[in-house]
């Protein structure tokens, strides 16, 4: 029933267009109020077989402890009690930040479906929310960049070329290279930049800390010939983006330098992009040392979680952190 429902929703939207952009398809597949992936009342994130993927926050309190220690370091000259810690994209029942000891004025959480309203002095934190935004797919073919879309052939979803670049892509003013290997795929999300602009446009001051996986623009247009869009279901990664809409996560790498420009235009300073490993080592070294040395000579799950978070062969190099300040 759910699969029929989302196919009907896609058909209704497709009647307005020759074909849907990938972003329009993702908007329905991920965020349709009844059938979208992120609207399903089930656990999506975690380290068990019934979930689809896990994040750093799935490791439990250690990630929250290191992040809070890092933020305290960044705000070392400020009174932490003046700031509210705000988590964006919080999964229902995750709770690790709400339950972690801190000296902030309070804790506030917004899910991916919530309208984000911010004010006052805040620490605004997000873990893998920007990569969860709808994205567009471009392909270099016969000497020009074309946009790929999705159309319905009966009840079957089929990828097809759009007659021209869609308005969101034109408005994004992408610095597309004049040449590329034939068939080169490029996945981009002006929607992620729009979300960050909305977050930054709220009247608040403080620290912005964004954890995610991404690349710089020159890497996306030169080192990723198959694109970066992927589907996740039951901890399996697939490039079949059109399979079982509403039942699998769809994501692509964020573009860090374009996001940094959004923050800079909104008045943030001291913007810094670091690997997750470097961010924690630079800003939370004392907390890392405390956890690692707390139970010498015995197995400690917290110590193992630290290794998972900062080791370059685990999450340490796979994820990056963009941080910055906006102070009165």
C-alpha atoms as a PDB file:
ATOM      1  CA  UNK A   1       0.000   0.000   0.000  1.00  0.00           C
ATOM      2  CA  UNK A   2       2.791   2.403   0.899  1.00  0.00           C
ATOM      3  CA  UNK A   3       4.611   1.644  -2.369  1.00  0.00           C
ATOM      4  CA  UNK A   4       1.408   2.197  -4.372  1.00  0.00           C
ATOM      5  CA  UNK A   5       0.859   5.436  -2.478  1.00  0.00           C
ATOM      6  CA  UNK A   6       4.230   6.936  -3.281  1.00  0.00           C
ATOM      7  CA  UNK A   7       4.006   5.841  -6.929  1.00  0.00           C
ATOM      8  CA  UNK A   8       0.657   7.634  -7.150  1.00  0.00           C
ATOM      9  CA  UNK A   9       2.207  10.711  -5.540  1.00  0.00           C
ATOM     10  CA  UNK A  10       4.995  10.629  -8.124  1.00  0.00           C
ATOM     11  CA  UNK A  11       2.443  10.214 -10.926  1.00  0.00           C
ATOM     12  CA  UNK A  12       0.506  13.236  -9.688  1.00  0.00           C
ATOM     13  CA  UNK A  13       3.649  15.368  -9.684  1.00  0.00           C
ATOM     14  CA  UNK A  14       4.813  13.950 -13.039  1.00  0.00           C
ATOM     15  CA  UNK A  15       1.578  15.089 -14.694  1.00  0.00           C
ATOM     16  CA  UNK A  16       2.797  18.681 -14.227  1.00  0.00           C
ATOM     17  CA  UNK A  17       6.103  18.062 -16.030  1.00  0.00           C
ATOM     18  CA  UNK A  18       7.594  16.128 -18.929  1.00  0.00           C
ATOM     19  CA  UNK A  19       9.814  14.491 -16.341  1.00  0.00           C
ATOM     20  CA  UNK A  20      10.737  15.198 -12.729  1.00  0.00           C
ATOM     21  CA  UNK A  21      14.137  16.538 -11.807  1.00  0.00           C
ATOM     22  CA  UNK A  22      16.008  14.292  -9.413  1.00  0.00           C
ATOM     23  CA  UNK A  23      15.410  16.940  -6.755  1.00  0.00           C
ATOM     24  CA  UNK A  24      11.633  16.731  -7.279  1.00  0.00           C
ATOM     25  CA  UNK A  25      11.837  12.948  -7.127  1.00  0.00           C
ATOM     26  CA  UNK A  26      13.912  13.098  -3.920  1.00  0.00           C
ATOM     27  CA  UNK A  27      11.522  15.586  -2.332  1.00  0.00           C
ATOM     28  CA  UNK A  28       8.681  13.087  -2.689  1.00  0.00           C
ATOM     29  CA  UNK A  29      10.719   9.960  -1.950  1.00  0.00           C
ATOM     30  CA  UNK A  30      12.244  11.470   1.202  1.00  0.00           C
ATOM     31  CA  UNK A  31       9.742  14.010   2.501  1.00  0.00           C
ATOM     32  CA  UNK A  32       6.238  13.193   1.245  1.00  0.00           C
ATOM     33  CA  UNK A  33       4.048  13.697   4.354  1.00  0.00           C
ATOM     34  CA  UNK A  34       2.545  10.206   4.162  1.00  0.00           C
ATOM     35  CA  UNK A  35       5.008   8.046   2.259  1.00  0.00           C
ATOM     36  CA  UNK A  36       8.394   9.794   2.415  1.00  0.00           C
ATOM     37  CA  UNK A  37      11.376   7.982   3.847  1.00  0.00           C
ATOM     38  CA  UNK A  38      11.947  10.535   6.611  1.00  0.00           C
ATOM     39  CA  UNK A  39       8.267  10.492   7.556  1.00  0.00           C
ATOM     40  CA  UNK A  40       8.193   6.783   8.347  1.00  0.00           C
ATOM     41  CA  UNK A  41       7.668   6.029  12.026  1.00  0.00           C
ATOM     42  CA  UNK A  42      10.505   3.569  12.367  1.00  0.00           C
ATOM     43  CA  UNK A  43      14.100   3.627  13.448  1.00  0.00           C
ATOM     44  CA  UNK A  44      16.280   4.515  10.460  1.00  0.00           C
ATOM     45  CA  UNK A  45      19.596   5.193  12.170  1.00  0.00           C
ATOM     46  CA  UNK A  46      21.512   2.781  14.358  1.00  0.00           C
ATOM     47  CA  UNK A  47      23.861  -0.157  14.505  1.00  0.00           C
ATOM     48  CA  UNK A  48      21.381  -2.994  14.188  1.00  0.00           C
ATOM     49  CA  UNK A  49      20.051  -4.988  11.249  1.00  0.00           C
ATOM     50  CA  UNK A  50      16.654  -3.280  11.216  1.00  0.00           C
ATOM     51  CA  UNK A  51      18.134   0.172  10.519  1.00  0.00           C
ATOM     52  CA  UNK A  52      19.522   1.506   7.230  1.00  0.00           C
ATOM     53  CA  UNK A  53      22.718   3.296   8.252  1.00  0.00           C
ATOM     54  CA  UNK A  54      24.494   4.608  11.308  1.00  0.00           C
ATOM     55  CA  UNK A  55      26.108   7.929  12.092  1.00  0.00           C
ATOM     56  CA  UNK A  56      28.644   9.166  14.599  1.00  0.00           C
ATOM     57  CA  UNK A  57      25.786   9.914  16.973  1.00  0.00           C
ATOM     58  CA  UNK A  58      24.834   6.217  16.894  1.00  0.00           C
ATOM     59  CA  UNK A  59      27.956   5.549  18.966  1.00  0.00           C
ATOM     60  CA  UNK A  60      26.177   7.048  21.958  1.00  0.00           C
ATOM     61  CA  UNK A  61      27.399   9.581  24.514  1.00  0.00           C
ATOM     62  CA  UNK A  62      31.057   9.730  23.430  1.00  0.00           C
ATOM     63  CA  UNK A  63      30.311  11.667  20.238  1.00  0.00           C
ATOM     64  CA  UNK A  64      28.227  14.153  22.215  1.00  0.00           C
ATOM     65  CA  UNK A  65      30.936  14.475  24.882  1.00  0.00           C
ATOM     66  CA  UNK A  66      33.665  15.220  22.344  1.00  0.00           C
ATOM     67  CA  UNK A  67      31.476  17.653  20.395  1.00  0.00           C
ATOM     68  CA  UNK A  68      30.495  19.591  23.511  1.00  0.00           C
ATOM     69  CA  UNK A  69      34.121  19.682  24.666  1.00  0.00           C
ATOM     70  CA  UNK A  70      35.133  21.040  21.248  1.00  0.00           C
ATOM     71  CA  UNK A  71      32.460  23.739  21.341  1.00  0.00           C
ATOM     72  CA  UNK A  72      33.558  24.766  24.832  1.00  0.00           C
ATOM     73  CA  UNK A  73      37.081  25.151  23.478  1.00  0.00           C
ATOM     74  CA  UNK A  74      35.862  27.311  20.591  1.00  0.00           C
ATOM     75  CA  UNK A  75      33.871  29.471  23.055  1.00  0.00           C
ATOM     76  CA  UNK A  76      36.666  29.564  25.645  1.00  0.00           C
ATOM     77  CA  UNK A  77      36.282  33.302  26.320  1.00  0.00           C
ATOM     78  CA  UNK A  78      32.483  33.189  26.560  1.00  0.00           C
ATOM     79  CA  UNK A  79      30.087  32.284  29.369  1.00  0.00           C
ATOM     80  CA  UNK A  80      28.572  28.971  28.224  1.00  0.00           C
ATOM     81  CA  UNK A  81      25.491  29.581  30.325  1.00  0.00           C
ATOM     82  CA  UNK A  82      24.557  32.366  27.896  1.00  0.00           C
ATOM     83  CA  UNK A  83      24.215  29.882  25.013  1.00  0.00           C
ATOM     84  CA  UNK A  84      21.560  27.344  24.065  1.00  0.00           C
ATOM     85  CA  UNK A  85      22.781  24.145  22.397  1.00  0.00           C
ATOM     86  CA  UNK A  86      20.630  23.526  19.296  1.00  0.00           C
ATOM     87  CA  UNK A  87      20.655  20.205  17.442  1.00  0.00           C
ATOM     88  CA  UNK A  88      19.327  20.180  13.874  1.00  0.00           C
ATOM     89  CA  UNK A  89      18.140  16.992  12.207  1.00  0.00           C
ATOM     90  CA  UNK A  90      17.728  15.117  15.477  1.00  0.00           C
ATOM     91  CA  UNK A  91      16.382  11.599  15.084  1.00  0.00           C
ATOM     92  CA  UNK A  92      13.496  10.681  17.406  1.00  0.00           C
ATOM     93  CA  UNK A  93      14.838   9.074  20.578  1.00  0.00           C
ATOM     94  CA  UNK A  94      18.507   9.790  19.840  1.00  0.00           C
ATOM     95  CA  UNK A  95      18.886  11.896  22.968  1.00  0.00           C
ATOM     96  CA  UNK A  96      22.667  11.729  23.413  1.00  0.00           C
ATOM     97  CA  UNK A  97      23.101  15.515  23.508  1.00  0.00           C
ATOM     98  CA  UNK A  98      20.056  16.051  25.725  1.00  0.00           C
ATOM     99  CA  UNK A  99      21.489  13.587  28.238  1.00  0.00           C
ATOM    100  CA  UNK A 100      25.115  14.767  28.196  1.00  0.00           C
ATOM    101  CA  UNK A 101      26.349  16.992  31.000  1.00  0.00           C
ATOM    102  CA  UNK A 102      27.081  20.543  29.880  1.00  0.00           C
ATOM    103  CA  UNK A 103      27.050  24.129  31.111  1.00  0.00           C
ATOM    104  CA  UNK A 104      24.842  25.564  28.381  1.00  0.00           C
ATOM    105  CA  UNK A 105      21.640  27.435  29.113  1.00  0.00           C
ATOM    106  CA  UNK A 106      19.578  24.633  27.627  1.00  0.00           C
ATOM    107  CA  UNK A 107      19.107  22.144  24.817  1.00  0.00           C
ATOM    108  CA  UNK A 108      16.771  22.416  21.841  1.00  0.00           C
ATOM    109  CA  UNK A 109      16.231  19.892  19.038  1.00  0.00           C
ATOM    110  CA  UNK A 110      14.682  20.156  15.562  1.00  0.00           C
ATOM    111  CA  UNK A 111      13.933  17.113  13.404  1.00  0.00           C
ATOM    112  CA  UNK A 112      14.358  17.179   9.623  1.00  0.00           C
ATOM    113  CA  UNK A 113      10.626  17.927   9.266  1.00  0.00           C
ATOM    114  CA  UNK A 114      10.515  20.850  11.715  1.00  0.00           C
ATOM    115  CA  UNK A 115      10.594  24.513  10.825  1.00  0.00           C
ATOM    116  CA  UNK A 116      13.872  25.860  12.210  1.00  0.00           C
ATOM    117  CA  UNK A 117      13.438  28.974  14.347  1.00  0.00           C
ATOM    118  CA  UNK A 118      16.526  30.279  16.138  1.00  0.00           C
ATOM    119  CA  UNK A 119      17.267  33.343  18.226  1.00  0.00           C
ATOM    120  CA  UNK A 120      19.676  34.679  20.834  1.00  0.00           C
ATOM    121  CA  UNK A 121      23.052  33.158  21.627  1.00  0.00           C
ATOM    122  CA  UNK A 122      23.207  29.615  20.308  1.00  0.00           C
ATOM    123  CA  UNK A 123      25.485  26.746  19.423  1.00  0.00           C
ATOM    124  CA  UNK A 124      23.901  25.378  16.242  1.00  0.00           C
ATOM    125  CA  UNK A 125      24.989  21.800  15.577  1.00  0.00           C
ATOM    126  CA  UNK A 126      23.998  19.481  12.737  1.00  0.00           C
ATOM    127  CA  UNK A 127      25.146  15.964  11.961  1.00  0.00           C
ATOM    128  CA  UNK A 128      24.396  14.725   8.432  1.00  0.00           C
ATOM    129  CA  UNK A 129      21.421  16.972   7.754  1.00  0.00           C
ATOM    130  CA  UNK A 130      22.774  18.779   4.677  1.00  0.00           C
ATOM    131  CA  UNK A 131      23.470  15.548   2.761  1.00  0.00           C
ATOM    132  CA  UNK A 132      19.823  14.577   3.355  1.00  0.00           C
ATOM    133  CA  UNK A 133      18.508  17.362   1.105  1.00  0.00           C
ATOM    134  CA  UNK A 134      17.186  16.755  -2.434  1.00  0.00           C
ATOM    135  CA  UNK A 135      19.806  16.942  -5.172  1.00  0.00           C
ATOM    136  CA  UNK A 136      20.095  17.341  -8.943  1.00  0.00           C
ATOM    137  CA  UNK A 137      22.022  15.064 -11.317  1.00  0.00           C
ATOM    138  CA  UNK A 138      23.986  16.395 -14.281  1.00  0.00           C
ATOM    139  CA  UNK A 139      25.780  14.428 -16.962  1.00  0.00           C
ATOM    140  CA  UNK A 140      28.404  15.606 -19.470  1.00  0.00           C
ATOM    141  CA  UNK A 141      27.346  14.284 -22.867  1.00  0.00           C
ATOM    142  CA  UNK A 142      28.331  15.216 -26.400  1.00  0.00           C
ATOM    143  CA  UNK A 143      30.295  18.226 -25.212  1.00  0.00           C
ATOM    144  CA  UNK A 144      27.659  19.824 -22.961  1.00  0.00           C
ATOM    145  CA  UNK A 145      26.234  19.423 -19.473  1.00  0.00           C
ATOM    146  CA  UNK A 146      22.695  18.045 -19.397  1.00  0.00           C
ATOM    147  CA  UNK A 147      20.364  17.449 -16.479  1.00  0.00           C
ATOM    148  CA  UNK A 148      19.006  14.008 -15.743  1.00  0.00           C
ATOM    149  CA  UNK A 149      15.504  13.467 -14.461  1.00  0.00           C
ATOM    150  CA  UNK A 150      12.970  10.777 -13.650  1.00  0.00           C
ATOM    151  CA  UNK A 151       9.841   9.821 -15.562  1.00  0.00           C
ATOM    152  CA  UNK A 152       7.220   7.147 -15.061  1.00  0.00           C
ATOM    153  CA  UNK A 153       6.688   4.458 -17.672  1.00  0.00           C
ATOM    154  CA  UNK A 154       3.517   2.929 -16.286  1.00  0.00           C
ATOM    155  CA  UNK A 155       4.493   2.176 -12.691  1.00  0.00           C
ATOM    156  CA  UNK A 156       8.190   1.914 -13.539  1.00  0.00           C
ATOM    157  CA  UNK A 157      10.600   4.736 -12.740  1.00  0.00           C
ATOM    158  CA  UNK A 158      13.011   5.463 -15.583  1.00  0.00           C
ATOM    159  CA  UNK A 159      15.928   7.893 -15.742  1.00  0.00           C
ATOM    160  CA  UNK A 160      15.804  10.304 -18.675  1.00  0.00           C
ATOM    161  CA  UNK A 161      17.431  13.499 -19.909  1.00  0.00           C
ATOM    162  CA  UNK A 162      15.630  16.785 -19.364  1.00  0.00           C
ATOM    163  CA  UNK A 163      15.279  19.131 -22.354  1.00  0.00           C
ATOM    164  CA  UNK A 164      17.162  21.890 -20.490  1.00  0.00           C
ATOM    165  CA  UNK A 165      18.747  22.686 -17.163  1.00  0.00           C
ATOM    166  CA  UNK A 166      16.123  23.337 -14.475  1.00  0.00           C
ATOM    167  CA  UNK A 167      15.768  26.735 -12.846  1.00  0.00           C
ATOM    168  CA  UNK A 168      17.371  25.740  -9.498  1.00  0.00           C
ATOM    169  CA  UNK A 169      20.508  24.661 -11.350  1.00  0.00           C
ATOM    170  CA  UNK A 170      20.575  27.803 -13.503  1.00  0.00           C
ATOM    171  CA  UNK A 171      20.057  30.014 -10.439  1.00  0.00           C
ATOM    172  CA  UNK A 172      22.874  28.226  -8.592  1.00  0.00           C
ATOM    173  CA  UNK A 173      25.358  29.639 -11.135  1.00  0.00           C
ATOM    174  CA  UNK A 174      27.522  26.534 -10.996  1.00  0.00           C
ATOM    175  CA  UNK A 175      31.068  26.918 -12.262  1.00  0.00           C
ATOM    176  CA  UNK A 176      30.778  23.930 -14.574  1.00  0.00           C
ATOM    177  CA  UNK A 177      33.960  22.911 -16.408  1.00  0.00           C
ATOM    178  CA  UNK A 178      33.885  23.401 -20.155  1.00  0.00           C
ATOM    179  CA  UNK A 179      34.909  19.818 -20.759  1.00  0.00           C
ATOM    180  CA  UNK A 180      34.745  16.488 -18.967  1.00  0.00           C
ATOM    181  CA  UNK A 181      34.845  12.787 -19.863  1.00  0.00           C
ATOM    182  CA  UNK A 182      31.720  11.737 -21.708  1.00  0.00           C
ATOM    183  CA  UNK A 183      29.223  10.345 -19.208  1.00  0.00           C
ATOM    184  CA  UNK A 184      30.729  12.168 -16.212  1.00  0.00           C
ATOM    185  CA  UNK A 185      28.059  12.475 -13.480  1.00  0.00           C
ATOM    186  CA  UNK A 186      27.760  15.408 -11.098  1.00  0.00           C
ATOM    187  CA  UNK A 187      25.387  15.484  -8.116  1.00  0.00           C
ATOM    188  CA  UNK A 188      24.709  18.908  -6.597  1.00  0.00           C
ATOM    189  CA  UNK A 189      22.273  20.219  -4.015  1.00  0.00           C
ATOM    190  CA  UNK A 190      21.321  23.902  -4.169  1.00  0.00           C
ATOM    191  CA  UNK A 191      18.696  22.827  -1.609  1.00  0.00           C
ATOM    192  CA  UNK A 192      21.441  22.121   0.951  1.00  0.00           C
ATOM    193  CA  UNK A 193      22.799  25.623   0.399  1.00  0.00           C
ATOM    194  CA  UNK A 194      19.288  27.061   0.701  1.00  0.00           C
ATOM    195  CA  UNK A 195      18.773  25.233   3.991  1.00  0.00           C
ATOM    196  CA  UNK A 196      22.041  26.584   5.385  1.00  0.00           C
ATOM    197  CA  UNK A 197      21.061  30.077   4.226  1.00  0.00           C
ATOM    198  CA  UNK A 198      17.753  29.703   6.084  1.00  0.00           C
ATOM    199  CA  UNK A 199      19.573  28.543   9.221  1.00  0.00           C
ATOM    200  CA  UNK A 200      22.016  31.448   9.056  1.00  0.00           C
ATOM    201  CA  UNK A 201      19.277  33.984   8.282  1.00  0.00           C
ATOM    202  CA  UNK A 202      17.669  33.427  11.680  1.00  0.00           C
ATOM    203  CA  UNK A 203      18.537  36.137  14.194  1.00  0.00           C
ATOM    204  CA  UNK A 204      21.041  34.354  16.394  1.00  0.00           C
ATOM    205  CA  UNK A 205      24.702  34.665  17.326  1.00  0.00           C
ATOM    206  CA  UNK A 206      27.209  32.042  18.324  1.00  0.00           C
ATOM    207  CA  UNK A 207      28.827  28.927  16.883  1.00  0.00           C
ATOM    208  CA  UNK A 208      27.908  26.935  13.783  1.00  0.00           C
ATOM    209  CA  UNK A 209      29.181  23.337  13.699  1.00  0.00           C
ATOM    210  CA  UNK A 210      28.297  21.119  10.730  1.00  0.00           C
ATOM    211  CA  UNK A 211      29.361  17.455  10.586  1.00  0.00           C
ATOM    212  CA  UNK A 212      28.895  15.713   7.249  1.00  0.00           C
ATOM    213  CA  UNK A 213      30.637  14.003   4.359  1.00  0.00           C
ATOM    214  CA  UNK A 214      31.516  16.097   1.366  1.00  0.00           C
ATOM    215  CA  UNK A 215      34.104  17.356  -1.069  1.00  0.00           C
ATOM    216  CA  UNK A 216      35.359  20.615  -2.519  1.00  0.00           C
ATOM    217  CA  UNK A 217      33.940  21.766  -5.847  1.00  0.00           C
ATOM    218  CA  UNK A 218      37.079  20.968  -7.854  1.00  0.00           C
ATOM    219  CA  UNK A 219      36.971  17.408  -6.495  1.00  0.00           C
ATOM    220  CA  UNK A 220      33.321  16.929  -7.408  1.00  0.00           C
ATOM    221  CA  UNK A 221      33.899  18.030 -11.005  1.00  0.00           C
ATOM    222  CA  UNK A 222      37.164  16.160 -11.566  1.00  0.00           C
ATOM    223  CA  UNK A 223      37.555  13.175  -9.210  1.00  0.00           C
ATOM    224  CA  UNK A 224      34.044  11.668  -9.015  1.00  0.00           C
ATOM    225  CA  UNK A 225      33.110  10.401 -12.502  1.00  0.00           C
ATOM    226  CA  UNK A 226      30.246   8.252 -11.155  1.00  0.00           C
ATOM    227  CA  UNK A 227      28.795  11.070  -9.041  1.00  0.00           C
ATOM    228  CA  UNK A 228      28.351  10.827  -5.295  1.00  0.00           C
ATOM    229  CA  UNK A 229      24.623  10.045  -5.008  1.00  0.00           C
ATOM    230  CA  UNK A 230      23.865   6.806  -3.200  1.00  0.00           C
ATOM    231  CA  UNK A 231      20.940   4.923  -1.691  1.00  0.00           C
ATOM    232  CA  UNK A 232      21.127   3.243   1.726  1.00  0.00           C
ATOM    233  CA  UNK A 233      18.917   0.422   2.932  1.00  0.00           C
ATOM    234  CA  UNK A 234      19.633  -2.151   5.640  1.00  0.00           C
ATOM    235  CA  UNK A 235      23.279  -1.023   5.664  1.00  0.00           C
ATOM    236  CA  UNK A 236      23.696  -1.793   1.978  1.00  0.00           C
ATOM    237  CA  UNK A 237      24.889   0.939  -0.387  1.00  0.00           C
ATOM    238  CA  UNK A 238      23.374   1.083  -3.858  1.00  0.00           C
ATOM    239  CA  UNK A 239      23.551   3.290  -6.932  1.00  0.00           C
ATOM    240  CA  UNK A 240      20.002   2.322  -7.869  1.00  0.00           C
ATOM    241  CA  UNK A 241      18.410   5.571  -6.742  1.00  0.00           C
ATOM    242  CA  UNK A 242      14.992   4.745  -8.199  1.00  0.00           C
ATOM    243  CA  UNK A 243      14.480   1.447  -6.361  1.00  0.00           C
ATOM    244  CA  UNK A 244      11.746   1.282  -3.685  1.00  0.00           C
ATOM    245  CA  UNK A 245      11.144   5.037  -3.262  1.00  0.00           C
ATOM    246  CA  UNK A 246      10.231   5.958   0.295  1.00  0.00           C
ATOM    247  CA  UNK A 247      11.930   2.870   1.680  1.00  0.00           C
ATOM    248  CA  UNK A 248      15.588   3.806   1.193  1.00  0.00           C
ATOM    249  CA  UNK A 249      17.670   6.840   2.067  1.00  0.00           C
ATOM    250  CA  UNK A 250      18.942   9.000  -0.800  1.00  0.00           C
ATOM    251  CA  UNK A 251      21.991  11.179  -0.322  1.00  0.00           C
ATOM    252  CA  UNK A 252      24.924  12.847  -2.027  1.00  0.00           C
ATOM    253  CA  UNK A 253      28.125  14.518  -0.843  1.00  0.00           C
ATOM    254  CA  UNK A 254      27.816  18.153   0.126  1.00  0.00           C
ATOM    255  CA  UNK A 255      30.000  20.790  -1.524  1.00  0.00           C
ATOM    256  CA  UNK A 256      31.966  22.356   1.319  1.00  0.00           C
ATOM    257  CA  UNK A 257      33.327  25.486  -0.349  1.00  0.00           C
ATOM    258  CA  UNK A 258      29.888  26.493  -1.669  1.00  0.00           C
ATOM    259  CA  UNK A 259      28.427  25.996   1.826  1.00  0.00           C
ATOM    260  CA  UNK A 260      31.255  28.009   3.352  1.00  0.00           C
ATOM    261  CA  UNK A 261      30.401  30.911   1.021  1.00  0.00           C
ATOM    262  CA  UNK A 262      26.799  30.820   2.289  1.00  0.00           C
ATOM    263  CA  UNK A 263      27.997  31.138   5.890  1.00  0.00           C
ATOM    264  CA  UNK A 264      30.473  33.897   5.067  1.00  0.00           C
ATOM    265  CA  UNK A 265      27.789  35.917   3.272  1.00  0.00           C
ATOM    266  CA  UNK A 266      25.663  35.582   6.421  1.00  0.00           C
ATOM    267  CA  UNK A 267      28.291  37.205   8.624  1.00  0.00           C
ATOM    268  CA  UNK A 268      30.154  34.192   9.980  1.00  0.00           C
ATOM    269  CA  UNK A 269      33.897  34.512  10.479  1.00  0.00           C
ATOM    270  CA  UNK A 270      36.780  32.204  11.322  1.00  0.00           C
ATOM    271  CA  UNK A 271      35.251  29.543   9.060  1.00  0.00           C
ATOM    272  CA  UNK A 272      37.290  26.366   9.134  1.00  0.00           C
ATOM    273  CA  UNK A 273      36.898  23.040   7.339  1.00  0.00           C
ATOM    274  CA  UNK A 274      38.630  20.092   9.023  1.00  0.00           C
ATOM    275  CA  UNK A 275      38.507  16.352   8.909  1.00  0.00           C
ATOM    276  CA  UNK A 276      36.544  14.999  11.858  1.00  0.00           C
ATOM    277  CA  UNK A 277      39.756  13.547  13.240  1.00  0.00           C
ATOM    278  CA  UNK A 278      41.504  16.940  13.195  1.00  0.00           C
ATOM    279  CA  UNK A 279      38.494  18.800  14.603  1.00  0.00           C
ATOM    280  CA  UNK A 280      38.353  16.610  17.700  1.00  0.00           C
ATOM    281  CA  UNK A 281      42.131  16.455  18.185  1.00  0.00           C
ATOM    282  CA  UNK A 282      42.432  20.256  17.879  1.00  0.00           C
ATOM    283  CA  UNK A 283      39.466  21.146  20.057  1.00  0.00           C
ATOM    284  CA  UNK A 284      38.753  18.188  22.374  1.00  0.00           C
ATOM    285  CA  UNK A 285      42.192  16.748  23.153  1.00  0.00           C
ATOM    286  CA  UNK A 286      41.692  16.847  26.933  1.00  0.00           C
ATOM    287  CA  UNK A 287      38.391  14.977  26.673  1.00  0.00           C
ATOM    288  CA  UNK A 288      39.963  12.390  24.352  1.00  0.00           C
ATOM    289  CA  UNK A 289      42.801  11.844  26.827  1.00  0.00           C
ATOM    290  CA  UNK A 290      40.376  11.557  29.734  1.00  0.00           C
ATOM    291  CA  UNK A 291      38.300   8.873  28.006  1.00  0.00           C
ATOM    292  CA  UNK A 292      41.276   6.887  26.709  1.00  0.00           C
ATOM    293  CA  UNK A 293      43.028   6.796  30.100  1.00  0.00           C
ATOM    294  CA  UNK A 294      39.977   6.317  32.308  1.00  0.00           C
ATOM    295  CA  UNK A 295      40.074   2.490  32.499  1.00  0.00           C
ATOM    296  CA  UNK A 296      43.667   1.339  32.016  1.00  0.00           C
ATOM    297  CA  UNK A 297      44.228  -2.356  31.472  1.00  0.00           C
ATOM    298  CA  UNK A 298      40.621  -3.287  30.713  1.00  0.00           C
ATOM    299  CA  UNK A 299      38.245  -3.183  27.784  1.00  0.00           C
ATOM    300  CA  UNK A 300      36.315   0.068  27.561  1.00  0.00           C
ATOM    301  CA  UNK A 301      33.566   0.652  24.993  1.00  0.00           C
ATOM    302  CA  UNK A 302      33.992   4.420  25.304  1.00  0.00           C
ATOM    303  CA  UNK A 303      37.651   4.102  24.328  1.00  0.00           C
ATOM    304  CA  UNK A 304      36.626   2.036  21.293  1.00  0.00           C
ATOM    305  CA  UNK A 305      34.111   4.709  20.316  1.00  0.00           C
ATOM    306  CA  UNK A 306      36.828   7.379  20.427  1.00  0.00           C
ATOM    307  CA  UNK A 307      38.956   5.275  18.090  1.00  0.00           C
ATOM    308  CA  UNK A 308      35.984   4.849  15.730  1.00  0.00           C
ATOM    309  CA  UNK A 309      35.417   8.608  15.670  1.00  0.00           C
ATOM    310  CA  UNK A 310      38.982   9.802  15.126  1.00  0.00           C
ATOM    311  CA  UNK A 311      40.901   6.992  13.440  1.00  0.00           C
ATOM    312  CA  UNK A 312      41.556   7.878   9.775  1.00  0.00           C
ATOM    313  CA  UNK A 313      40.552   4.364   8.653  1.00  0.00           C
ATOM    314  CA  UNK A 314      37.162   4.741  10.342  1.00  0.00           C
ATOM    315  CA  UNK A 315      35.133   7.952  10.665  1.00  0.00           C
ATOM    316  CA  UNK A 316      38.108  10.238  11.191  1.00  0.00           C
ATOM    317  CA  UNK A 317      38.749  10.949   7.512  1.00  0.00           C
ATOM    318  CA  UNK A 318      35.388   9.949   6.039  1.00  0.00           C
ATOM    319  CA  UNK A 319      33.630  12.885   7.700  1.00  0.00           C
ATOM    320  CA  UNK A 320      34.481  16.563   7.854  1.00  0.00           C
ATOM    321  CA  UNK A 321      33.445  19.462  10.076  1.00  0.00           C
ATOM    322  CA  UNK A 322      32.722  23.022   8.957  1.00  0.00           C
ATOM    323  CA  UNK A 323      32.683  25.469  11.861  1.00  0.00           C
ATOM    324  CA  UNK A 324      32.491  29.219  12.292  1.00  0.00           C
ATOM    325  CA  UNK A 325      31.559  32.080  14.587  1.00  0.00           C
ATOM    326  CA  UNK A 326      29.078  34.913  14.399  1.00  0.00           C
ATOM    327  CA  UNK A 327      29.374  37.093  17.477  1.00  0.00           C
ATOM    328  CA  UNK A 328      28.004  40.573  18.339  1.00  0.00           C
END
